[in-house]
């Protein structure tokens, strides 16, 4: 008899409302906790590795990705492009990458500036070593504006620095160093991880 005055419909509404508010409170507390497990944008920009599929680059093509807030280029060089590298030594400031060894990992200190056996794929940080502009990819041979002896490479429109198809700097230009080769390795035949060297030289 004591419960005869209880409004059961009102009780259900109050219980449902309390449950919804309680669930929202649990979600509000749990969301920041769960998000704290994910790397922040700052952490990602600070150096999280970037995975790139080499299948995206057609022969001769350059593709761009961002690593540590910097543009990084992956170029799928053709045999003709690679063949131009050997004949340029006299025109380059640091043809054997000896003067500035910090510009590439030890495994990229070779003519192609790549990992052995993967010479067609060049990975470079796309920032001019003069004042930080981003050079333009110019793979064509002997264009009118770059001269008859141009074999392909990069031209920096800011101050005229030039780099060959291995990112090596030419003489008599403002830039003093070759373009940087970041750490990277092949996870498999089709995938490069930029930002780590895979523990192998």
N, C-alpha and C. Protein backbone atom coordinates (compact mmCIF):
# COMPACT_ATOMS: atom_id res chain seq x y z
N UNK A 1 0.82 -1.20 0.00
CA UNK A 1 0.00 0.00 0.00
C UNK A 1 0.86 1.26 0.00
N UNK A 2 2.08 1.14 0.58
CA UNK A 2 2.93 2.32 0.68
C UNK A 2 3.40 2.79 -0.69
N UNK A 3 3.52 1.88 -1.68
CA UNK A 3 4.00 2.23 -3.02
C UNK A 3 2.88 2.63 -3.97
N UNK A 4 1.67 2.69 -3.48
CA UNK A 4 0.56 2.96 -4.38
C UNK A 4 0.61 4.35 -4.98
N UNK A 5 1.34 5.32 -4.31
CA UNK A 5 1.40 6.68 -4.84
C UNK A 5 2.62 6.91 -5.75
N UNK A 6 3.44 5.89 -6.00
CA UNK A 6 4.66 6.06 -6.81
C UNK A 6 4.32 6.07 -8.29
N UNK A 7 4.89 7.07 -9.00
CA UNK A 7 4.68 7.18 -10.44
C UNK A 7 5.79 6.38 -11.14
N UNK A 8 5.45 5.18 -11.60
CA UNK A 8 6.46 4.29 -12.20
C UNK A 8 7.01 4.85 -13.51
N UNK A 9 6.23 5.58 -14.26
CA UNK A 9 6.71 6.19 -15.50
C UNK A 9 7.77 7.25 -15.22
N UNK A 10 7.52 8.04 -14.18
CA UNK A 10 8.47 9.08 -13.81
C UNK A 10 9.78 8.46 -13.32
N UNK A 11 9.67 7.36 -12.58
CA UNK A 11 10.86 6.66 -12.09
C UNK A 11 11.72 6.17 -13.26
N UNK A 12 11.07 5.60 -14.27
CA UNK A 12 11.81 5.11 -15.43
C UNK A 12 12.54 6.26 -16.14
N UNK A 13 11.90 7.39 -16.29
CA UNK A 13 12.51 8.56 -16.94
C UNK A 13 13.72 9.02 -16.14
N UNK A 14 13.59 9.09 -14.83
CA UNK A 14 14.71 9.53 -13.99
C UNK A 14 15.88 8.54 -14.05
N UNK A 15 15.58 7.26 -14.02
CA UNK A 15 16.64 6.24 -14.11
C UNK A 15 17.34 6.33 -15.47
N UNK A 16 16.59 6.50 -16.55
CA UNK A 16 17.17 6.61 -17.89
C UNK A 16 18.04 7.86 -18.00
N UNK A 17 17.54 8.99 -17.47
CA UNK A 17 18.31 10.24 -17.53
C UNK A 17 19.60 10.13 -16.73
N UNK A 18 19.52 9.52 -15.55
CA UNK A 18 20.72 9.33 -14.73
C UNK A 18 21.73 8.43 -15.43
N UNK A 19 21.25 7.38 -16.09
CA UNK A 19 22.14 6.47 -16.82
C UNK A 19 22.86 7.19 -17.96
N UNK A 20 22.13 8.03 -18.71
CA UNK A 20 22.71 8.76 -19.82
C UNK A 20 23.77 9.73 -19.32
N UNK A 21 23.45 10.47 -18.25
CA UNK A 21 24.42 11.42 -17.69
C UNK A 21 25.65 10.67 -17.16
N UNK A 22 25.44 9.54 -16.50
CA UNK A 22 26.56 8.74 -16.00
C UNK A 22 27.44 8.23 -17.12
N UNK A 23 26.85 7.74 -18.21
CA UNK A 23 27.61 7.24 -19.35
C UNK A 23 28.41 8.36 -20.00
N UNK A 24 27.80 9.55 -20.11
CA UNK A 24 28.52 10.69 -20.68
C UNK A 24 29.71 11.07 -19.80
N UNK A 25 29.53 11.00 -18.49
CA UNK A 25 30.63 11.31 -17.57
C UNK A 25 31.77 10.31 -17.71
N UNK A 26 31.45 9.03 -17.83
CA UNK A 26 32.49 8.01 -18.01
C UNK A 26 33.23 8.25 -19.32
N UNK A 27 32.51 8.57 -20.39
CA UNK A 27 33.14 8.83 -21.69
C UNK A 27 34.04 10.06 -21.61
N UNK A 28 33.58 11.10 -20.90
CA UNK A 28 34.38 12.33 -20.78
C UNK A 28 35.69 12.08 -20.03
N UNK A 29 35.65 11.17 -19.06
CA UNK A 29 36.87 10.85 -18.31
C UNK A 29 37.76 9.90 -19.12
N UNK A 30 37.17 8.95 -19.81
CA UNK A 30 37.94 7.92 -20.52
C UNK A 30 38.61 8.46 -21.79
N UNK A 31 37.95 9.38 -22.49
CA UNK A 31 38.50 9.86 -23.77
C UNK A 31 39.89 10.46 -23.63
N UNK A 32 40.12 11.40 -22.71
CA UNK A 32 41.48 11.94 -22.60
C UNK A 32 42.51 10.88 -22.20
N UNK A 33 42.07 9.95 -21.35
CA UNK A 33 42.98 8.88 -20.93
C UNK A 33 43.38 8.01 -22.12
N UNK A 34 42.42 7.61 -22.94
CA UNK A 34 42.72 6.78 -24.11
C UNK A 34 43.52 7.55 -25.15
N UNK A 35 43.20 8.85 -25.34
CA UNK A 35 43.96 9.67 -26.31
C UNK A 35 45.40 9.87 -25.89
N UNK A 36 45.67 9.80 -24.59
CA UNK A 36 47.04 9.98 -24.12
C UNK A 36 47.95 8.85 -24.58
N UNK A 37 47.38 7.73 -24.99
CA UNK A 37 48.18 6.62 -25.50
C UNK A 37 48.66 6.86 -26.93
N UNK A 38 47.97 7.72 -27.68
CA UNK A 38 48.35 8.00 -29.06
C UNK A 38 49.45 9.06 -29.10
N UNK A 39 50.39 8.95 -30.07
CA UNK A 39 51.41 10.00 -30.18
C UNK A 39 50.76 11.32 -30.60
N UNK A 40 51.22 12.40 -30.01
CA UNK A 40 50.68 13.72 -30.33
C UNK A 40 51.16 14.16 -31.70
N UNK A 41 50.52 15.20 -32.23
CA UNK A 41 50.97 15.78 -33.51
C UNK A 41 52.39 16.28 -33.38
N UNK A 42 52.71 16.82 -32.20
CA UNK A 42 54.08 17.30 -31.97
C UNK A 42 55.08 16.15 -32.01
N UNK A 43 54.71 15.01 -31.40
CA UNK A 43 55.61 13.85 -31.42
C UNK A 43 55.77 13.31 -32.83
N UNK A 44 54.68 13.28 -33.59
CA UNK A 44 54.77 12.82 -34.97
C UNK A 44 55.66 13.75 -35.79
N UNK A 45 55.47 15.05 -35.61
CA UNK A 45 56.29 16.01 -36.35
C UNK A 45 57.75 15.94 -35.92
N UNK A 46 57.99 15.54 -34.69
CA UNK A 46 59.36 15.49 -34.18
C UNK A 46 60.16 14.33 -34.74
N UNK A 47 59.50 13.39 -35.39
CA UNK A 47 60.33 12.36 -35.98
C UNK A 47 59.72 10.99 -36.16
N UNK A 48 58.42 10.86 -36.06
CA UNK A 48 57.83 9.56 -36.30
C UNK A 48 58.15 9.13 -37.73
N UNK A 49 58.54 7.87 -37.94
CA UNK A 49 58.86 7.40 -39.29
C UNK A 49 57.66 7.51 -40.23
N UNK A 50 57.96 7.62 -41.52
CA UNK A 50 56.93 7.73 -42.56
C UNK A 50 57.12 6.57 -43.53
N UNK A 51 56.04 5.86 -43.77
CA UNK A 51 56.07 4.72 -44.69
C UNK A 51 55.66 5.19 -46.09
N UNK A 52 56.43 4.78 -47.10
CA UNK A 52 56.16 5.19 -48.48
C UNK A 52 56.22 3.96 -49.38
N UNK A 53 55.22 3.84 -50.25
CA UNK A 53 55.22 2.75 -51.23
C UNK A 53 55.97 3.22 -52.48
N UNK A 54 57.01 2.47 -52.87
CA UNK A 54 57.77 2.84 -54.06
C UNK A 54 56.96 2.63 -55.34
N UNK A 55 55.88 1.88 -55.25
CA UNK A 55 55.05 1.64 -56.43
C UNK A 55 54.32 2.91 -56.86
N UNK A 56 54.27 3.92 -55.99
CA UNK A 56 53.60 5.18 -56.35
C UNK A 56 54.41 5.99 -57.36
N UNK A 57 55.72 5.74 -57.43
CA UNK A 57 56.59 6.53 -58.30
C UNK A 57 56.85 5.78 -59.60
N UNK A 58 56.38 6.35 -60.70
CA UNK A 58 56.68 5.80 -62.03
C UNK A 58 58.16 6.06 -62.36
N UNK A 59 58.74 5.35 -63.31
CA UNK A 59 60.14 5.61 -63.70
C UNK A 59 60.35 7.09 -64.04
N UNK A 60 61.35 7.69 -63.39
CA UNK A 60 61.65 9.10 -63.60
C UNK A 60 60.86 10.06 -62.75
N UNK A 61 59.87 9.56 -62.03
CA UNK A 61 58.96 10.42 -61.27
C UNK A 61 59.46 10.66 -59.85
N UNK A 62 59.14 11.84 -59.32
CA UNK A 62 59.42 12.21 -57.93
C UNK A 62 58.09 12.28 -57.18
N UNK A 63 58.05 11.70 -55.98
CA UNK A 63 56.89 11.88 -55.10
C UNK A 63 57.37 12.52 -53.81
N UNK A 64 56.48 13.25 -53.16
CA UNK A 64 56.83 13.99 -51.94
C UNK A 64 56.04 13.47 -50.76
N UNK A 65 56.72 13.41 -49.61
CA UNK A 65 56.08 13.11 -48.33
C UNK A 65 56.64 14.10 -47.31
N UNK A 66 56.05 14.14 -46.13
CA UNK A 66 56.54 15.01 -45.06
C UNK A 66 57.08 14.14 -43.94
N UNK A 67 58.28 14.45 -43.49
CA UNK A 67 58.90 13.78 -42.34
C UNK A 67 59.56 14.85 -41.48
N UNK A 68 59.24 14.85 -40.19
CA UNK A 68 59.75 15.86 -39.26
C UNK A 68 59.46 17.28 -39.73
N UNK A 69 58.33 17.45 -40.36
CA UNK A 69 57.94 18.77 -40.85
C UNK A 69 58.69 19.22 -42.09
N UNK A 70 59.47 18.33 -42.70
CA UNK A 70 60.26 18.68 -43.87
C UNK A 70 59.77 17.89 -45.09
N UNK A 71 59.89 18.49 -46.29
CA UNK A 71 59.58 17.72 -47.49
C UNK A 71 60.67 16.68 -47.75
N UNK A 72 60.26 15.48 -48.05
CA UNK A 72 61.21 14.42 -48.42
C UNK A 72 60.78 13.89 -49.77
N UNK A 73 61.78 13.72 -50.65
CA UNK A 73 61.52 13.25 -52.00
C UNK A 73 61.93 11.79 -52.15
N UNK A 74 61.13 11.06 -52.89
CA UNK A 74 61.48 9.72 -53.35
C UNK A 74 61.45 9.78 -54.87
N UNK A 75 62.59 9.47 -55.50
CA UNK A 75 62.68 9.50 -56.95
C UNK A 75 62.99 8.10 -57.46
N UNK A 76 62.20 7.65 -58.41
CA UNK A 76 62.43 6.38 -59.08
C UNK A 76 63.26 6.68 -60.33
N UNK A 77 64.58 6.59 -60.19
CA UNK A 77 65.48 6.95 -61.29
C UNK A 77 65.57 5.83 -62.32
N UNK A 78 65.60 6.25 -63.57
CA UNK A 78 65.76 5.29 -64.67
C UNK A 78 67.24 4.96 -64.83
N UNK A 79 67.55 3.95 -65.64
CA UNK A 79 68.94 3.59 -65.92
C UNK A 79 69.67 4.75 -66.57
N UNK A 80 69.02 5.45 -67.50
CA UNK A 80 69.64 6.61 -68.15
C UNK A 80 69.99 7.69 -67.13
N UNK A 81 69.12 7.90 -66.17
CA UNK A 81 69.40 8.90 -65.13
C UNK A 81 70.62 8.48 -64.30
N UNK A 82 70.67 7.23 -63.93
CA UNK A 82 71.80 6.73 -63.13
C UNK A 82 73.10 6.80 -63.92
N UNK A 83 73.02 6.59 -65.23
CA UNK A 83 74.22 6.62 -66.07
C UNK A 83 74.85 8.00 -66.13
N UNK A 84 74.09 9.06 -65.85
CA UNK A 84 74.66 10.41 -65.91
C UNK A 84 75.55 10.72 -64.71
N UNK A 85 75.43 9.99 -63.62
CA UNK A 85 76.10 10.34 -62.37
C UNK A 85 77.63 10.26 -62.44
N UNK A 86 78.14 9.24 -63.10
CA UNK A 86 79.59 9.00 -63.11
C UNK A 86 80.38 10.10 -63.80
N UNK A 87 79.82 10.75 -64.79
CA UNK A 87 80.56 11.73 -65.57
C UNK A 87 80.54 13.15 -65.04
N UNK A 88 80.01 13.36 -63.84
CA UNK A 88 79.86 14.72 -63.33
C UNK A 88 80.88 15.14 -62.27
N UNK A 89 81.74 14.25 -61.84
CA UNK A 89 82.61 14.49 -60.69
C UNK A 89 83.37 15.81 -60.76
N UNK A 90 83.92 16.17 -61.91
CA UNK A 90 84.72 17.39 -62.02
C UNK A 90 83.89 18.65 -61.83
N UNK A 91 82.58 18.55 -62.00
CA UNK A 91 81.71 19.73 -61.89
C UNK A 91 81.07 19.87 -60.51
N UNK A 92 81.34 18.93 -59.61
CA UNK A 92 80.68 18.90 -58.30
C UNK A 92 81.62 19.31 -57.16
N UNK A 93 81.04 19.90 -56.09
CA UNK A 93 81.83 20.30 -54.93
C UNK A 93 82.26 19.11 -54.08
N UNK A 94 81.36 18.15 -53.93
CA UNK A 94 81.63 17.00 -53.05
C UNK A 94 81.12 15.73 -53.73
N UNK A 95 81.76 15.31 -54.82
CA UNK A 95 81.22 14.19 -55.61
C UNK A 95 81.20 12.85 -54.88
N UNK A 96 82.09 12.65 -53.90
CA UNK A 96 82.14 11.36 -53.19
C UNK A 96 81.59 11.44 -51.78
N UNK A 97 80.91 12.55 -51.46
CA UNK A 97 80.28 12.73 -50.15
C UNK A 97 81.26 12.62 -48.99
N UNK A 98 82.49 13.10 -49.21
CA UNK A 98 83.54 13.03 -48.18
C UNK A 98 83.56 14.28 -47.30
N UNK A 99 83.29 15.44 -47.89
CA UNK A 99 83.46 16.70 -47.16
C UNK A 99 82.44 16.89 -46.05
N UNK A 100 81.25 16.41 -46.23
CA UNK A 100 80.19 16.59 -45.24
C UNK A 100 79.49 15.25 -44.99
N UNK A 101 80.15 14.35 -44.24
CA UNK A 101 79.60 13.01 -44.05
C UNK A 101 78.26 12.99 -43.31
N UNK A 102 77.94 14.08 -42.61
CA UNK A 102 76.67 14.14 -41.88
C UNK A 102 75.47 14.28 -42.83
N UNK A 103 75.72 14.53 -44.11
CA UNK A 103 74.63 14.73 -45.06
C UNK A 103 74.01 13.43 -45.55
N UNK A 104 74.57 12.30 -45.15
CA UNK A 104 73.98 11.01 -45.53
C UNK A 104 74.45 9.94 -44.56
N UNK A 105 73.60 8.90 -44.34
CA UNK A 105 74.06 7.76 -43.54
C UNK A 105 75.20 7.05 -44.26
N UNK A 106 75.97 6.27 -43.53
CA UNK A 106 77.12 5.57 -44.11
C UNK A 106 76.73 4.69 -45.29
N UNK A 107 75.54 4.07 -45.24
CA UNK A 107 75.13 3.18 -46.33
C UNK A 107 74.77 3.94 -47.60
N UNK A 108 74.65 5.27 -47.53
CA UNK A 108 74.34 6.06 -48.72
C UNK A 108 75.54 6.86 -49.20
N UNK A 109 76.71 6.53 -48.71
CA UNK A 109 77.93 7.24 -49.12
C UNK A 109 78.53 6.50 -50.30
N UNK A 110 77.88 6.64 -51.43
CA UNK A 110 78.31 6.00 -52.67
C UNK A 110 77.86 6.86 -53.84
N UNK A 111 78.17 6.47 -55.04
CA UNK A 111 77.87 7.27 -56.22
C UNK A 111 76.38 7.60 -56.33
N UNK A 112 75.53 6.62 -56.10
CA UNK A 112 74.09 6.83 -56.24
C UNK A 112 73.46 7.44 -54.99
N UNK A 113 74.21 7.45 -53.87
CA UNK A 113 73.75 7.95 -52.57
C UNK A 113 72.47 7.23 -52.11
N UNK A 114 72.51 5.91 -52.22
CA UNK A 114 71.38 5.07 -51.84
C UNK A 114 71.88 3.80 -51.17
N UNK A 115 70.94 2.98 -50.75
CA UNK A 115 71.29 1.66 -50.22
C UNK A 115 71.76 0.77 -51.37
N UNK A 116 72.74 -0.06 -51.09
CA UNK A 116 73.28 -0.96 -52.11
C UNK A 116 72.20 -1.90 -52.62
N UNK A 117 72.17 -2.04 -53.92
CA UNK A 117 71.18 -2.92 -54.55
C UNK A 117 69.85 -2.24 -54.82
N UNK A 118 69.68 -1.01 -54.35
CA UNK A 118 68.42 -0.27 -54.54
C UNK A 118 68.71 1.09 -55.18
N UNK A 119 69.69 1.13 -56.08
CA UNK A 119 70.18 2.39 -56.61
C UNK A 119 69.13 3.23 -57.34
N UNK A 120 68.10 2.59 -57.87
CA UNK A 120 67.13 3.38 -58.62
C UNK A 120 66.32 4.30 -57.71
N UNK A 121 66.18 3.95 -56.44
CA UNK A 121 65.35 4.74 -55.54
C UNK A 121 66.20 5.70 -54.70
N UNK A 122 66.05 6.99 -54.98
CA UNK A 122 66.77 8.03 -54.24
C UNK A 122 65.82 8.67 -53.24
N UNK A 123 66.29 8.83 -52.00
CA UNK A 123 65.51 9.49 -50.95
C UNK A 123 66.32 10.69 -50.48
N UNK A 124 65.72 11.89 -50.56
CA UNK A 124 66.40 13.13 -50.18
C UNK A 124 65.47 14.04 -49.39
N UNK A 125 66.04 14.82 -48.47
CA UNK A 125 65.30 15.90 -47.84
C UNK A 125 65.27 17.04 -48.84
N UNK A 126 64.09 17.52 -49.16
CA UNK A 126 63.92 18.50 -50.24
C UNK A 126 64.13 19.95 -49.81
N UNK A 127 65.25 20.21 -49.13
CA UNK A 127 65.56 21.56 -48.67
C UNK A 127 66.97 21.92 -49.12
N UNK A 128 67.09 23.06 -49.81
CA UNK A 128 68.39 23.51 -50.29
C UNK A 128 69.32 23.77 -49.11
N UNK A 129 70.57 23.38 -49.26
CA UNK A 129 71.54 23.53 -48.17
C UNK A 129 72.14 24.93 -48.11
N UNK A 130 71.60 25.84 -48.90
CA UNK A 130 72.04 27.24 -48.82
C UNK A 130 71.21 27.98 -47.78
N UNK A 131 69.98 28.31 -48.10
CA UNK A 131 69.14 29.06 -47.16
C UNK A 131 67.77 28.42 -46.94
N UNK A 132 67.63 27.15 -47.29
CA UNK A 132 66.42 26.43 -46.92
C UNK A 132 65.24 26.51 -47.87
N UNK A 133 65.43 27.00 -49.08
CA UNK A 133 64.35 26.96 -50.07
C UNK A 133 64.16 25.50 -50.53
N UNK A 134 63.08 25.27 -51.26
CA UNK A 134 62.86 23.92 -51.79
C UNK A 134 63.15 23.92 -53.29
N UNK A 135 64.23 23.24 -53.70
CA UNK A 135 64.58 23.22 -55.13
C UNK A 135 63.51 22.56 -55.99
N UNK A 136 63.54 22.90 -57.26
CA UNK A 136 62.60 22.37 -58.25
C UNK A 136 63.22 21.17 -58.96
N UNK A 137 62.44 20.11 -59.10
CA UNK A 137 62.90 18.91 -59.80
C UNK A 137 62.92 19.19 -61.29
N UNK A 138 64.11 19.05 -61.90
CA UNK A 138 64.28 19.31 -63.33
C UNK A 138 64.98 18.11 -63.97
N UNK A 139 64.25 17.04 -64.27
CA UNK A 139 64.87 15.82 -64.82
C UNK A 139 65.20 15.89 -66.30
N UNK A 140 64.72 16.91 -67.00
CA UNK A 140 64.91 16.97 -68.45
C UNK A 140 66.37 17.25 -68.81
N UNK A 141 66.77 16.83 -70.00
CA UNK A 141 68.13 17.06 -70.49
C UNK A 141 68.21 18.37 -71.26
N UNK A 142 69.25 19.16 -70.98
CA UNK A 142 69.60 20.37 -71.72
C UNK A 142 68.45 21.33 -71.97
N UNK A 143 67.69 21.72 -70.94
CA UNK A 143 66.65 22.72 -71.17
C UNK A 143 67.30 24.08 -71.45
N UNK A 144 66.60 24.93 -72.15
CA UNK A 144 67.17 26.22 -72.56
C UNK A 144 67.62 27.06 -71.37
N UNK A 145 66.87 27.04 -70.28
CA UNK A 145 67.20 27.91 -69.14
C UNK A 145 68.34 27.37 -68.28
N UNK A 146 68.69 26.07 -68.39
CA UNK A 146 69.75 25.50 -67.56
C UNK A 146 71.00 25.14 -68.35
N UNK A 147 70.92 25.17 -69.67
CA UNK A 147 72.11 24.97 -70.48
C UNK A 147 72.24 23.59 -71.09
N UNK A 148 73.07 23.51 -72.09
CA UNK A 148 73.24 22.28 -72.88
C UNK A 148 73.90 21.16 -72.08
N UNK A 149 74.63 21.49 -71.02
CA UNK A 149 75.32 20.44 -70.25
C UNK A 149 74.50 19.95 -69.05
N UNK A 150 73.24 20.37 -68.94
CA UNK A 150 72.38 19.94 -67.84
C UNK A 150 71.91 18.51 -68.09
N UNK A 151 72.19 17.60 -67.12
CA UNK A 151 71.84 16.18 -67.27
C UNK A 151 70.64 15.78 -66.42
N UNK A 152 70.03 16.76 -65.78
CA UNK A 152 68.91 16.48 -64.88
C UNK A 152 69.33 16.65 -63.44
N UNK A 153 68.35 16.98 -62.61
CA UNK A 153 68.62 17.16 -61.18
C UNK A 153 67.67 18.16 -60.58
N UNK A 154 68.18 19.02 -59.68
CA UNK A 154 67.36 20.02 -59.00
C UNK A 154 67.97 21.40 -59.16
N UNK A 155 67.10 22.37 -59.34
CA UNK A 155 67.52 23.76 -59.45
C UNK A 155 66.78 24.55 -58.38
N UNK A 156 67.52 25.32 -57.59
CA UNK A 156 66.88 26.13 -56.54
C UNK A 156 66.59 27.51 -57.10
N UNK A 157 65.33 27.87 -57.24
CA UNK A 157 64.98 29.16 -57.84
C UNK A 157 65.31 30.36 -56.96
N UNK A 158 65.56 30.13 -55.68
CA UNK A 158 65.84 31.26 -54.78
C UNK A 158 67.17 31.94 -55.09
N UNK A 159 68.24 31.13 -55.21
CA UNK A 159 69.57 31.72 -55.41
C UNK A 159 70.41 30.99 -56.46
N UNK A 160 69.79 30.05 -57.19
CA UNK A 160 70.47 29.44 -58.32
C UNK A 160 71.32 28.22 -58.04
N UNK A 161 71.23 27.64 -56.85
CA UNK A 161 72.00 26.42 -56.58
C UNK A 161 71.48 25.27 -57.43
N UNK A 162 72.40 24.36 -57.79
CA UNK A 162 72.06 23.22 -58.64
C UNK A 162 72.58 21.94 -58.01
N UNK A 163 71.81 20.88 -58.19
CA UNK A 163 72.15 19.57 -57.64
C UNK A 163 71.89 18.52 -58.72
N UNK A 164 72.73 17.49 -58.76
CA UNK A 164 72.54 16.44 -59.76
C UNK A 164 71.48 15.45 -59.31
N UNK A 165 71.32 14.38 -60.08
CA UNK A 165 70.27 13.39 -59.79
C UNK A 165 70.61 12.46 -58.63
N UNK A 166 71.69 12.75 -57.90
CA UNK A 166 71.98 12.09 -56.63
C UNK A 166 71.94 13.10 -55.49
N UNK A 167 71.54 14.33 -55.82
CA UNK A 167 71.47 15.38 -54.81
C UNK A 167 72.83 15.98 -54.47
N UNK A 168 73.84 15.79 -55.34
CA UNK A 168 75.17 16.35 -55.11
C UNK A 168 75.24 17.77 -55.68
N UNK A 169 75.82 18.68 -54.92
CA UNK A 169 75.84 20.09 -55.30
C UNK A 169 76.94 20.39 -56.32
N UNK A 170 76.59 21.24 -57.27
CA UNK A 170 77.55 21.68 -58.27
C UNK A 170 78.47 22.75 -57.71
N UNK A 171 79.61 22.93 -58.36
CA UNK A 171 80.53 24.02 -58.02
C UNK A 171 79.94 25.35 -58.47
N UNK A 172 80.48 26.43 -57.91
CA UNK A 172 80.12 27.80 -58.31
C UNK A 172 78.65 28.15 -58.12
N UNK A 173 78.05 27.57 -57.06
CA UNK A 173 76.68 27.94 -56.68
C UNK A 173 76.70 28.25 -55.18
N UNK A 174 75.69 28.96 -54.65
CA UNK A 174 75.70 29.34 -53.24
C UNK A 174 75.69 28.17 -52.25
N UNK A 175 74.97 27.10 -52.55
CA UNK A 175 74.89 25.97 -51.61
C UNK A 175 76.26 25.33 -51.45
N UNK A 176 76.60 24.97 -50.22
CA UNK A 176 77.92 24.40 -49.95
C UNK A 176 77.93 22.91 -49.71
N UNK A 177 76.74 22.31 -49.54
CA UNK A 177 76.67 20.89 -49.21
C UNK A 177 75.72 20.17 -50.15
N UNK A 178 75.91 18.86 -50.26
CA UNK A 178 74.96 18.02 -50.98
C UNK A 178 73.63 18.02 -50.22
N UNK A 179 72.55 17.71 -50.92
CA UNK A 179 71.25 17.56 -50.25
C UNK A 179 71.33 16.40 -49.26
N UNK A 180 70.57 16.50 -48.20
CA UNK A 180 70.61 15.49 -47.14
C UNK A 180 69.86 14.22 -47.54
N UNK A 181 70.47 13.07 -47.24
CA UNK A 181 69.79 11.78 -47.35
C UNK A 181 69.35 11.41 -45.94
N UNK A 182 68.05 11.28 -45.67
CA UNK A 182 67.60 10.92 -44.33
C UNK A 182 67.82 9.43 -44.07
N UNK A 183 67.77 9.01 -42.81
CA UNK A 183 67.83 7.56 -42.56
C UNK A 183 66.58 6.89 -43.15
N UNK A 184 66.78 5.73 -43.74
CA UNK A 184 65.64 4.99 -44.29
C UNK A 184 66.05 3.55 -44.53
N UNK A 185 65.07 2.69 -44.68
CA UNK A 185 65.35 1.31 -45.09
C UNK A 185 64.12 0.73 -45.77
N UNK A 186 64.34 -0.36 -46.48
CA UNK A 186 63.25 -1.05 -47.16
C UNK A 186 62.64 -2.09 -46.23
N UNK A 187 61.37 -1.88 -45.87
CA UNK A 187 60.67 -2.87 -45.04
C UNK A 187 60.41 -4.13 -45.85
N UNK A 188 60.14 -3.94 -47.12
CA UNK A 188 59.96 -5.04 -48.07
C UNK A 188 60.27 -4.49 -49.45
N UNK A 189 60.04 -5.25 -50.48
CA UNK A 189 60.41 -4.83 -51.83
C UNK A 189 59.65 -3.60 -52.31
N UNK A 190 58.50 -3.32 -51.71
CA UNK A 190 57.68 -2.22 -52.19
C UNK A 190 57.55 -1.05 -51.22
N UNK A 191 58.14 -1.17 -50.04
CA UNK A 191 57.89 -0.17 -49.00
C UNK A 191 59.17 0.33 -48.36
N UNK A 192 59.31 1.66 -48.30
CA UNK A 192 60.42 2.31 -47.62
C UNK A 192 59.90 2.94 -46.34
N UNK A 193 60.68 2.82 -45.27
CA UNK A 193 60.37 3.52 -44.02
C UNK A 193 61.41 4.62 -43.85
N UNK A 194 60.95 5.87 -43.94
CA UNK A 194 61.83 7.03 -43.79
C UNK A 194 61.85 7.45 -42.33
N UNK A 195 63.05 7.61 -41.78
CA UNK A 195 63.19 8.03 -40.40
C UNK A 195 63.89 7.01 -39.52
N UNK A 196 64.08 5.82 -40.03
CA UNK A 196 64.82 4.77 -39.32
C UNK A 196 65.73 4.06 -40.32
N UNK A 197 66.84 3.53 -39.81
CA UNK A 197 67.75 2.83 -40.72
C UNK A 197 67.61 1.32 -40.64
N UNK A 198 66.67 0.83 -39.85
CA UNK A 198 66.43 -0.60 -39.77
C UNK A 198 67.51 -1.37 -39.03
N UNK A 199 68.41 -0.64 -38.37
CA UNK A 199 69.47 -1.29 -37.59
C UNK A 199 70.54 -1.90 -38.43
N UNK A 200 70.54 -1.62 -39.73
CA UNK A 200 71.56 -2.21 -40.63
C UNK A 200 72.27 -1.11 -41.39
N UNK A 201 73.57 -1.30 -41.58
CA UNK A 201 74.32 -0.37 -42.41
C UNK A 201 74.28 -0.87 -43.83
